[in-house]
Amino acid sequence: MTIASNSSSKELEINERIRDKEIRLVGANGQQLGIMSPRDALRMAAEQDLDLVKVAPQAKPPVCKILDYGKYRFEMQKREKEARKNQKTVEIKEIRLSLNIDTNDFNTKVNQAAKFLQQGHKVKVSIRFRGREMAHTNLGLDVEKRFAGELTGKAVVDKPPKLEGRSMMMFLSPAPNK
């Protein structure tokens, strides 16, 4: 039973595509059948109307298993889908400040950041220096420290303010609940 497969990077070698001199064979019910040539293993798989699949190519010698490849692939896709479902994705939301931000604008940005943090997102706080503002990066540092200070208890500073080119960035993440 030969199954043609598309050649993606994580596709397993099956049946005639296995080109090793010798392989370690595992039977359909999990028993060790020993080390043999792929030709003999393929013949055994064909007798059982199953496929020969290389499951551990990095092993010495590579490990191949006799199984139904279609069913095996379906199970693997199901496992991957389940793993993706349980995975939590963390978004990074950006708040842009300016060097000479007014009090009300500053408070609005703080409230917005607090809302993002409450939703479980990380927050990137950035200030872009334009023109002569580059001479006053210390003022930008003060604004970002004041911003972090306003969010004390709600946020933890992951990366302190750092100047990269014309931007100063700081990363905040939600504070652990007590």
N, C-alpha and C. Protein backbone atom coordinates (compact mmCIF):
# COMPACT_ATOMS: atom_id res chain seq x y z
N MET A 1 0.85 -1.18 0.00
CA MET A 1 0.00 0.00 0.00
C MET A 1 0.90 1.24 0.00
N THR A 2 1.04 1.89 -1.13
CA THR A 2 1.91 3.04 -1.27
C THR A 2 1.06 4.31 -1.27
N ILE A 3 1.47 5.27 -0.48
CA ILE A 3 0.77 6.55 -0.41
C ILE A 3 1.71 7.63 -0.92
N ALA A 4 1.27 8.38 -1.91
CA ALA A 4 2.07 9.50 -2.40
C ALA A 4 1.86 10.66 -1.44
N SER A 5 2.93 11.34 -1.13
CA SER A 5 2.80 12.46 -0.20
C SER A 5 3.48 13.69 -0.78
N ASN A 6 2.96 14.86 -0.37
CA ASN A 6 3.60 16.09 -0.83
C ASN A 6 4.91 16.26 -0.07
N SER A 7 5.86 16.93 -0.68
CA SER A 7 7.20 17.02 -0.08
C SER A 7 7.34 18.27 0.77
N SER A 8 6.74 18.23 1.96
CA SER A 8 6.94 19.34 2.90
C SER A 8 8.12 18.99 3.80
N SER A 9 8.62 19.98 4.52
CA SER A 9 9.83 19.79 5.31
C SER A 9 9.66 18.79 6.45
N LYS A 10 8.45 18.70 7.04
CA LYS A 10 8.27 17.78 8.16
C LYS A 10 7.58 16.49 7.74
N GLU A 11 7.53 16.23 6.46
CA GLU A 11 6.93 15.00 5.95
C GLU A 11 7.85 13.82 6.25
N LEU A 12 7.29 12.72 6.69
CA LEU A 12 8.07 11.54 7.03
C LEU A 12 8.40 10.74 5.77
N GLU A 13 9.51 10.03 5.82
CA GLU A 13 9.86 9.14 4.72
C GLU A 13 9.05 7.86 4.88
N ILE A 14 8.43 7.42 3.77
CA ILE A 14 7.64 6.19 3.83
C ILE A 14 8.00 5.27 2.68
N ASN A 15 7.79 3.98 2.90
CA ASN A 15 7.95 2.92 1.90
C ASN A 15 9.23 3.04 1.09
N GLU A 16 9.13 3.22 -0.24
CA GLU A 16 10.30 3.20 -1.11
C GLU A 16 11.22 4.40 -0.93
N ARG A 17 10.75 5.44 -0.24
CA ARG A 17 11.57 6.64 -0.05
C ARG A 17 12.65 6.44 1.00
N ILE A 18 12.57 5.38 1.78
CA ILE A 18 13.56 5.11 2.81
C ILE A 18 14.79 4.52 2.12
N ARG A 19 15.91 5.25 2.18
CA ARG A 19 17.11 4.90 1.42
C ARG A 19 18.29 4.45 2.29
N ASP A 20 18.07 4.22 3.56
CA ASP A 20 19.16 3.82 4.45
C ASP A 20 19.61 2.39 4.16
N LYS A 21 20.86 2.08 4.52
CA LYS A 21 21.39 0.72 4.32
C LYS A 21 20.70 -0.27 5.25
N GLU A 22 20.52 0.13 6.51
CA GLU A 22 19.82 -0.73 7.46
C GLU A 22 18.99 0.12 8.40
N ILE A 23 17.91 -0.48 8.90
CA ILE A 23 16.99 0.23 9.79
C ILE A 23 16.63 -0.67 10.97
N ARG A 24 16.16 -0.03 12.05
CA ARG A 24 15.63 -0.79 13.19
C ARG A 24 14.12 -0.81 12.99
N LEU A 25 13.55 -2.00 12.97
CA LEU A 25 12.13 -2.14 12.66
C LEU A 25 11.30 -2.41 13.90
N VAL A 26 10.17 -1.71 14.01
CA VAL A 26 9.19 -1.92 15.07
C VAL A 26 7.92 -2.38 14.39
N GLY A 27 7.33 -3.45 14.88
CA GLY A 27 6.13 -4.01 14.27
C GLY A 27 4.90 -3.17 14.50
N ALA A 28 3.79 -3.59 13.89
CA ALA A 28 2.52 -2.85 13.98
C ALA A 28 1.99 -2.81 15.40
N ASN A 29 2.26 -3.86 16.20
CA ASN A 29 1.77 -3.87 17.58
C ASN A 29 2.83 -3.46 18.60
N GLY A 30 3.96 -2.88 18.12
CA GLY A 30 4.97 -2.30 19.02
C GLY A 30 6.15 -3.19 19.36
N GLN A 31 6.17 -4.44 18.88
CA GLN A 31 7.30 -5.30 19.23
C GLN A 31 8.51 -5.00 18.35
N GLN A 32 9.70 -5.15 18.93
CA GLN A 32 10.96 -4.92 18.22
C GLN A 32 11.22 -6.08 17.27
N LEU A 33 11.43 -5.79 16.00
CA LEU A 33 11.71 -6.84 15.03
C LEU A 33 13.18 -6.87 14.64
N GLY A 34 13.99 -5.99 15.20
CA GLY A 34 15.42 -6.01 14.99
C GLY A 34 15.90 -5.10 13.87
N ILE A 35 17.20 -5.24 13.55
CA ILE A 35 17.83 -4.42 12.51
C ILE A 35 17.84 -5.23 11.22
N MET A 36 17.40 -4.59 10.13
CA MET A 36 17.33 -5.27 8.83
C MET A 36 17.39 -4.25 7.71
N SER A 37 17.41 -4.75 6.48
CA SER A 37 17.44 -3.85 5.33
C SER A 37 16.04 -3.31 5.08
N PRO A 38 15.93 -2.12 4.51
CA PRO A 38 14.61 -1.54 4.23
C PRO A 38 13.79 -2.41 3.27
N ARG A 39 14.47 -3.13 2.38
CA ARG A 39 13.77 -3.98 1.41
C ARG A 39 12.99 -5.08 2.13
N ASP A 40 13.66 -5.74 3.12
CA ASP A 40 12.99 -6.80 3.89
C ASP A 40 11.84 -6.22 4.72
N ALA A 41 12.08 -5.07 5.32
CA ALA A 41 11.05 -4.43 6.15
C ALA A 41 9.85 -4.03 5.29
N LEU A 42 10.12 -3.55 4.09
CA LEU A 42 9.04 -3.14 3.18
C LEU A 42 8.21 -4.36 2.76
N ARG A 43 8.89 -5.47 2.56
CA ARG A 43 8.19 -6.70 2.20
C ARG A 43 7.27 -7.14 3.34
N MET A 44 7.77 -7.03 4.59
CA MET A 44 6.94 -7.40 5.75
C MET A 44 5.73 -6.48 5.88
N ALA A 45 5.93 -5.18 5.61
CA ALA A 45 4.83 -4.22 5.70
C ALA A 45 3.79 -4.51 4.62
N ALA A 46 4.25 -4.87 3.41
CA ALA A 46 3.34 -5.15 2.31
C ALA A 46 2.51 -6.40 2.61
N GLU A 47 3.12 -7.40 3.28
CA GLU A 47 2.39 -8.61 3.64
C GLU A 47 1.23 -8.30 4.59
N GLN A 48 1.42 -7.31 5.45
CA GLN A 48 0.37 -6.92 6.40
C GLN A 48 -0.55 -5.84 5.84
N ASP A 49 -0.31 -5.43 4.57
CA ASP A 49 -1.07 -4.39 3.89
C ASP A 49 -1.00 -3.06 4.65
N LEU A 50 0.23 -2.76 5.16
CA LEU A 50 0.48 -1.52 5.88
C LEU A 50 1.68 -0.81 5.27
N ASP A 51 2.05 0.34 5.82
CA ASP A 51 3.17 1.13 5.31
C ASP A 51 4.37 1.02 6.24
N LEU A 52 5.55 1.25 5.67
CA LEU A 52 6.78 1.35 6.43
C LEU A 52 7.08 2.83 6.58
N VAL A 53 7.11 3.33 7.81
CA VAL A 53 7.28 4.77 8.07
C VAL A 53 8.50 4.98 8.94
N LYS A 54 9.38 5.91 8.52
CA LYS A 54 10.56 6.26 9.32
C LYS A 54 10.10 7.24 10.39
N VAL A 55 10.07 6.78 11.66
CA VAL A 55 9.56 7.61 12.75
C VAL A 55 10.66 8.34 13.52
N ALA A 56 11.90 7.81 13.48
CA ALA A 56 13.01 8.46 14.17
C ALA A 56 14.23 8.48 13.25
N PRO A 57 14.30 9.45 12.31
CA PRO A 57 15.40 9.49 11.35
C PRO A 57 16.74 9.82 11.99
N GLN A 58 16.76 10.47 13.17
CA GLN A 58 18.01 10.88 13.79
C GLN A 58 18.70 9.73 14.54
N ALA A 59 17.98 8.63 14.77
CA ALA A 59 18.55 7.50 15.51
C ALA A 59 19.58 6.76 14.66
N LYS A 60 20.47 6.02 15.31
CA LYS A 60 21.47 5.21 14.61
C LYS A 60 21.24 3.75 14.96
N PRO A 61 20.81 2.89 14.09
CA PRO A 61 20.23 3.15 12.77
C PRO A 61 18.83 3.75 12.91
N PRO A 62 18.30 4.39 11.84
CA PRO A 62 16.98 5.02 11.90
C PRO A 62 15.89 4.01 12.28
N VAL A 63 14.89 4.47 13.03
CA VAL A 63 13.81 3.60 13.47
C VAL A 63 12.64 3.74 12.52
N CYS A 64 12.17 2.60 12.01
CA CYS A 64 11.00 2.57 11.13
C CYS A 64 9.93 1.71 11.79
N LYS A 65 8.68 2.03 11.48
CA LYS A 65 7.58 1.32 12.10
C LYS A 65 6.60 0.90 11.02
N ILE A 66 6.02 -0.26 11.21
CA ILE A 66 4.99 -0.73 10.29
C ILE A 66 3.66 -0.24 10.84
N LEU A 67 2.96 0.59 10.04
CA LEU A 67 1.67 1.13 10.47
C LEU A 67 0.88 1.64 9.28
N ASP A 68 -0.37 2.01 9.52
CA ASP A 68 -1.22 2.60 8.49
C ASP A 68 -0.90 4.10 8.46
N TYR A 69 -0.22 4.54 7.40
CA TYR A 69 0.30 5.91 7.33
C TYR A 69 -0.82 6.95 7.36
N GLY A 70 -1.91 6.70 6.67
CA GLY A 70 -3.03 7.65 6.64
C GLY A 70 -3.59 7.88 8.04
N LYS A 71 -3.77 6.79 8.78
CA LYS A 71 -4.29 6.88 10.14
C LYS A 71 -3.28 7.59 11.05
N TYR A 72 -1.99 7.28 10.88
CA TYR A 72 -0.92 7.88 11.67
C TYR A 72 -0.87 9.40 11.46
N ARG A 73 -0.96 9.81 10.19
CA ARG A 73 -0.92 11.24 9.86
C ARG A 73 -2.12 11.97 10.45
N PHE A 74 -3.28 11.32 10.38
CA PHE A 74 -4.50 11.91 10.95
C PHE A 74 -4.34 12.13 12.45
N GLU A 75 -3.79 11.12 13.16
CA GLU A 75 -3.57 11.23 14.60
C GLU A 75 -2.58 12.36 14.92
N MET A 76 -1.51 12.47 14.13
CA MET A 76 -0.52 13.53 14.35
C MET A 76 -1.14 14.91 14.16
N GLN A 77 -1.95 15.08 13.11
CA GLN A 77 -2.60 16.37 12.87
C GLN A 77 -3.56 16.71 14.00
N LYS A 78 -4.25 15.69 14.51
CA LYS A 78 -5.18 15.89 15.62
C LYS A 78 -4.43 16.35 16.86
N ARG A 79 -3.26 15.73 17.13
CA ARG A 79 -2.45 16.13 18.29
C ARG A 79 -1.94 17.56 18.15
N GLU A 80 -1.47 17.90 16.94
CA GLU A 80 -0.96 19.27 16.71
C GLU A 80 -2.07 20.29 16.90
N LYS A 81 -3.26 19.99 16.40
CA LYS A 81 -4.39 20.91 16.52
C LYS A 81 -4.74 21.10 17.99
N GLU A 82 -4.73 20.01 18.76
CA GLU A 82 -5.02 20.08 20.19
C GLU A 82 -3.97 20.92 20.92
N ALA A 83 -2.69 20.75 20.53
CA ALA A 83 -1.61 21.53 21.16
C ALA A 83 -1.77 23.01 20.85
N ARG A 84 -2.15 23.34 19.60
CA ARG A 84 -2.35 24.75 19.23
C ARG A 84 -3.53 25.34 20.00
N LYS A 85 -4.55 24.54 20.23
CA LYS A 85 -5.74 25.04 20.92
C LYS A 85 -5.40 25.41 22.37
N ASN A 86 -4.52 24.61 23.00
CA ASN A 86 -4.16 24.86 24.39
C ASN A 86 -3.09 25.92 24.55
N GLN A 87 -2.52 26.37 23.44
CA GLN A 87 -1.45 27.36 23.49
C GLN A 87 -2.04 28.75 23.69
N LYS A 88 -1.43 29.54 24.56
CA LYS A 88 -1.91 30.89 24.80
C LYS A 88 -1.04 31.87 24.03
N THR A 89 -1.67 32.67 23.18
CA THR A 89 -0.90 33.65 22.42
C THR A 89 -0.93 34.98 23.17
N VAL A 90 0.21 35.60 23.29
CA VAL A 90 0.32 36.88 23.97
C VAL A 90 0.60 37.94 22.92
N GLU A 91 -0.29 38.91 22.87
CA GLU A 91 -0.09 40.01 21.92
C GLU A 91 0.68 41.12 22.60
N ILE A 92 1.43 41.84 21.79
CA ILE A 92 2.12 43.02 22.31
C ILE A 92 1.40 44.24 21.75
N LYS A 93 0.86 45.04 22.65
CA LYS A 93 0.17 46.27 22.27
C LYS A 93 1.16 47.41 22.46
N GLU A 94 1.10 48.38 21.55
CA GLU A 94 2.05 49.49 21.64
C GLU A 94 1.35 50.78 22.05
N ILE A 95 1.97 51.48 22.97
CA ILE A 95 1.52 52.82 23.39
C ILE A 95 2.64 53.78 23.01
N ARG A 96 2.30 54.77 22.21
CA ARG A 96 3.31 55.76 21.79
C ARG A 96 3.13 57.05 22.58
N LEU A 97 4.21 57.47 23.17
CA LEU A 97 4.20 58.72 23.92
C LEU A 97 5.06 59.73 23.17
N SER A 98 4.92 60.99 23.56
CA SER A 98 5.82 62.01 23.00
C SER A 98 6.58 62.63 24.16
N LEU A 99 7.64 63.32 23.82
CA LEU A 99 8.52 63.88 24.84
C LEU A 99 7.80 64.92 25.70
N ASN A 100 6.98 65.76 25.07
CA ASN A 100 6.29 66.80 25.82
C ASN A 100 4.78 66.52 25.82
N ILE A 101 4.41 65.39 26.42
CA ILE A 101 3.01 64.97 26.48
C ILE A 101 2.30 65.70 27.61
N ASP A 102 1.05 66.09 27.36
CA ASP A 102 0.27 66.82 28.35
C ASP A 102 -0.29 65.84 29.39
N THR A 103 -0.70 66.33 30.53
CA THR A 103 -1.15 65.49 31.65
C THR A 103 -2.35 64.63 31.28
N ASN A 104 -3.37 65.22 30.67
CA ASN A 104 -4.57 64.46 30.32
C ASN A 104 -4.27 63.39 29.27
N ASP A 105 -3.44 63.74 28.28
CA ASP A 105 -3.05 62.75 27.27
C ASP A 105 -2.28 61.60 27.93
N PHE A 106 -1.41 61.96 28.85
CA PHE A 106 -0.61 60.97 29.56
C PHE A 106 -1.52 60.02 30.34
N ASN A 107 -2.51 60.59 31.05
CA ASN A 107 -3.43 59.77 31.84
C ASN A 107 -4.28 58.85 30.95
N THR A 108 -4.67 59.36 29.79
CA THR A 108 -5.43 58.55 28.83
C THR A 108 -4.60 57.35 28.38
N LYS A 109 -3.33 57.59 28.08
CA LYS A 109 -2.43 56.51 27.65
C LYS A 109 -2.22 55.50 28.77
N VAL A 110 -2.10 55.99 30.01
CA VAL A 110 -1.94 55.09 31.16
C VAL A 110 -3.17 54.21 31.31
N ASN A 111 -4.36 54.79 31.18
CA ASN A 111 -5.60 54.02 31.29
C ASN A 111 -5.70 52.97 30.18
N GLN A 112 -5.30 53.35 28.99
CA GLN A 112 -5.33 52.42 27.85
C GLN A 112 -4.37 51.25 28.10
N ALA A 113 -3.17 51.56 28.60
CA ALA A 113 -2.19 50.52 28.91
C ALA A 113 -2.71 49.61 30.00
N ALA A 114 -3.38 50.18 31.02
CA ALA A 114 -3.93 49.38 32.11
C ALA A 114 -4.98 48.41 31.58
N LYS A 115 -5.78 48.88 30.61
CA LYS A 115 -6.80 48.02 30.01
C LYS A 115 -6.15 46.86 29.25
N PHE A 116 -5.09 47.16 28.50
CA PHE A 116 -4.38 46.10 27.76
C PHE A 116 -3.78 45.08 28.73
N LEU A 117 -3.19 45.57 29.80
CA LEU A 117 -2.57 44.69 30.79
C LEU A 117 -3.62 43.82 31.48
N GLN A 118 -4.79 44.40 31.75
CA GLN A 118 -5.87 43.66 32.39
C GLN A 118 -6.35 42.53 31.49
N GLN A 119 -6.30 42.74 30.18
CA GLN A 119 -6.70 41.71 29.21
C GLN A 119 -5.62 40.64 29.04
N GLY A 120 -4.46 40.85 29.67
CA GLY A 120 -3.39 39.86 29.63
C GLY A 120 -2.36 40.08 28.54
N HIS A 121 -2.40 41.24 27.88
CA HIS A 121 -1.43 41.53 26.83
C HIS A 121 -0.19 42.19 27.41
N LYS A 122 0.91 42.07 26.67
CA LYS A 122 2.11 42.83 27.03
C LYS A 122 2.00 44.19 26.37
N VAL A 123 2.67 45.17 26.94
CA VAL A 123 2.60 46.53 26.41
C VAL A 123 4.00 47.04 26.12
N LYS A 124 4.15 47.60 24.91
CA LYS A 124 5.41 48.22 24.50
C LYS A 124 5.17 49.73 24.55
N VAL A 125 5.93 50.41 25.37
CA VAL A 125 5.80 51.87 25.50
C VAL A 125 6.97 52.48 24.75
N SER A 126 6.66 53.33 23.77
CA SER A 126 7.75 53.90 22.98
C SER A 126 7.62 55.42 22.85
N ILE A 127 8.77 56.04 22.76
CA ILE A 127 8.85 57.49 22.50
C ILE A 127 9.77 57.66 21.30
N ARG A 128 9.29 58.40 20.32
CA ARG A 128 10.09 58.67 19.11
C ARG A 128 10.64 60.09 19.24
N PHE A 129 11.97 60.21 19.16
CA PHE A 129 12.62 61.52 19.26
C PHE A 129 12.76 62.10 17.86
N ARG A 130 12.32 63.36 17.72
CA ARG A 130 12.40 64.02 16.42
C ARG A 130 13.34 65.22 16.53
N GLY A 131 14.18 65.36 15.54
CA GLY A 131 15.05 66.54 15.46
C GLY A 131 15.92 66.75 16.68
N ARG A 132 15.77 67.94 17.26
CA ARG A 132 16.62 68.32 18.39
C ARG A 132 16.26 67.60 19.68
N GLU A 133 15.15 66.87 19.69
CA GLU A 133 14.76 66.12 20.88
C GLU A 133 15.80 65.06 21.24
N MET A 134 16.62 64.65 20.27
CA MET A 134 17.65 63.64 20.51
C MET A 134 18.66 64.12 21.56
N ALA A 135 18.77 65.43 21.72
CA ALA A 135 19.69 65.97 22.72
C ALA A 135 19.12 65.83 24.13
N HIS A 136 17.82 65.48 24.24
CA HIS A 136 17.15 65.42 25.55
C HIS A 136 16.55 64.04 25.79
N THR A 137 17.33 63.00 25.56
CA THR A 137 16.82 61.65 25.77
C THR A 137 16.54 61.38 27.25
N ASN A 138 17.21 62.13 28.13
CA ASN A 138 16.97 61.96 29.57
C ASN A 138 15.54 62.33 29.93
N LEU A 139 14.94 63.30 29.21
CA LEU A 139 13.54 63.67 29.46
C LEU A 139 12.61 62.53 29.06
N GLY A 140 12.95 61.84 27.97
CA GLY A 140 12.18 60.68 27.52
C GLY A 140 12.24 59.56 28.55
N LEU A 141 13.42 59.39 29.13
CA LEU A 141 13.60 58.37 30.17
C LEU A 141 12.70 58.69 31.37
N ASP A 142 12.63 59.97 31.73
CA ASP A 142 11.78 60.38 32.85
C ASP A 142 10.31 60.10 32.56
N VAL A 143 9.86 60.38 31.32
CA VAL A 143 8.46 60.15 30.94
C VAL A 143 8.14 58.66 31.05
N GLU A 144 9.03 57.80 30.55
CA GLU A 144 8.77 56.35 30.58
C GLU A 144 8.80 55.82 32.01
N LYS A 145 9.70 56.34 32.84
CA LYS A 145 9.74 55.91 34.24
C LYS A 145 8.47 56.35 34.97
N ARG A 146 7.98 57.54 34.66
CA ARG A 146 6.75 58.04 35.27
C ARG A 146 5.56 57.17 34.84
N PHE A 147 5.59 56.77 33.56
CA PHE A 147 4.53 55.90 33.01
C PHE A 147 4.51 54.57 33.76
N ALA A 148 5.69 53.97 33.94
CA ALA A 148 5.80 52.70 34.67
C ALA A 148 5.36 52.88 36.12
N GLY A 149 5.70 54.03 36.70
CA GLY A 149 5.31 54.32 38.08
C GLY A 149 3.80 54.40 38.25
N GLU A 150 3.11 54.95 37.25
CA GLU A 150 1.65 55.06 37.29
C GLU A 150 0.99 53.68 37.26
N LEU A 151 1.67 52.71 36.65
CA LEU A 151 1.11 51.36 36.51
C LEU A 151 1.63 50.39 37.57
N THR A 152 2.24 50.90 38.63
CA THR A 152 2.74 50.05 39.70
C THR A 152 1.59 49.23 40.28
N GLY A 153 1.80 47.94 40.42
CA GLY A 153 0.75 47.05 40.92
C GLY A 153 -0.02 46.38 39.79
N LYS A 154 -0.12 47.06 38.66
CA LYS A 154 -0.82 46.49 37.50
C LYS A 154 0.16 45.89 36.49
N ALA A 155 1.39 46.40 36.51
CA ALA A 155 2.37 45.97 35.51
C ALA A 155 3.74 45.74 36.13
N VAL A 156 4.50 44.90 35.45
CA VAL A 156 5.89 44.64 35.82
C VAL A 156 6.74 45.03 34.62
N VAL A 157 7.84 45.72 34.87
CA VAL A 157 8.72 46.15 33.78
C VAL A 157 9.55 44.94 33.32
N ASP A 158 9.28 44.46 32.10
CA ASP A 158 10.06 43.35 31.53
C ASP A 158 11.43 43.84 31.10
N LYS A 159 11.41 44.89 30.27
CA LYS A 159 12.67 45.49 29.80
C LYS A 159 12.61 46.97 30.14
N PRO A 160 13.58 47.46 30.87
CA PRO A 160 13.58 48.88 31.23
C PRO A 160 13.77 49.76 29.98
N PRO A 161 13.48 51.05 30.09
CA PRO A 161 13.62 51.93 28.92
C PRO A 161 15.02 51.86 28.32
N LYS A 162 15.07 51.71 26.99
CA LYS A 162 16.35 51.61 26.31
C LYS A 162 16.25 52.38 24.99
N LEU A 163 17.27 53.15 24.71
CA LEU A 163 17.31 53.95 23.50
C LEU A 163 17.86 53.10 22.35
N GLU A 164 17.07 52.98 21.29
CA GLU A 164 17.50 52.26 20.09
C GLU A 164 17.26 53.19 18.90
N GLY A 165 18.32 53.74 18.38
CA GLY A 165 18.19 54.70 17.28
C GLY A 165 17.51 55.96 17.76
N ARG A 166 16.40 56.32 17.14
CA ARG A 166 15.65 57.51 17.53
C ARG A 166 14.47 57.18 18.43
N SER A 167 14.33 55.92 18.84
CA SER A 167 13.21 55.52 19.69
C SER A 167 13.71 54.99 21.03
N MET A 168 12.92 55.27 22.05
CA MET A 168 13.18 54.70 23.37
C MET A 168 12.01 53.78 23.67
N MET A 169 12.34 52.53 24.03
CA MET A 169 11.29 51.55 24.26
C MET A 169 11.41 50.92 25.63
N MET A 170 10.24 50.53 26.15
CA MET A 170 10.16 49.85 27.42
C MET A 170 9.03 48.82 27.29
N PHE A 171 9.22 47.63 27.84
CA PHE A 171 8.20 46.59 27.75
C PHE A 171 7.63 46.30 29.13
N LEU A 172 6.29 46.24 29.20
CA LEU A 172 5.60 45.95 30.43
C LEU A 172 4.77 44.68 30.25
N SER A 173 4.65 43.89 31.31
CA SER A 173 3.75 42.73 31.26
C SER A 173 2.85 42.78 32.48
N PRO A 174 1.70 42.07 32.41
CA PRO A 174 0.76 42.12 33.53
C PRO A 174 1.41 41.63 34.83
N ALA A 175 1.08 42.29 35.92
CA ALA A 175 1.61 41.91 37.22
C ALA A 175 0.94 40.61 37.64
N PRO A 176 1.71 39.69 38.27
CA PRO A 176 1.10 38.44 38.73
C PRO A 176 0.07 38.71 39.82
N ASN A 177 -1.05 38.00 39.75
CA ASN A 177 -2.11 38.19 40.75
C ASN A 177 -1.71 37.54 42.07
N LYS A 178 -2.03 38.22 43.15
CA LYS A 178 -1.66 37.69 44.47
C LYS A 178 -2.86 37.11 45.15
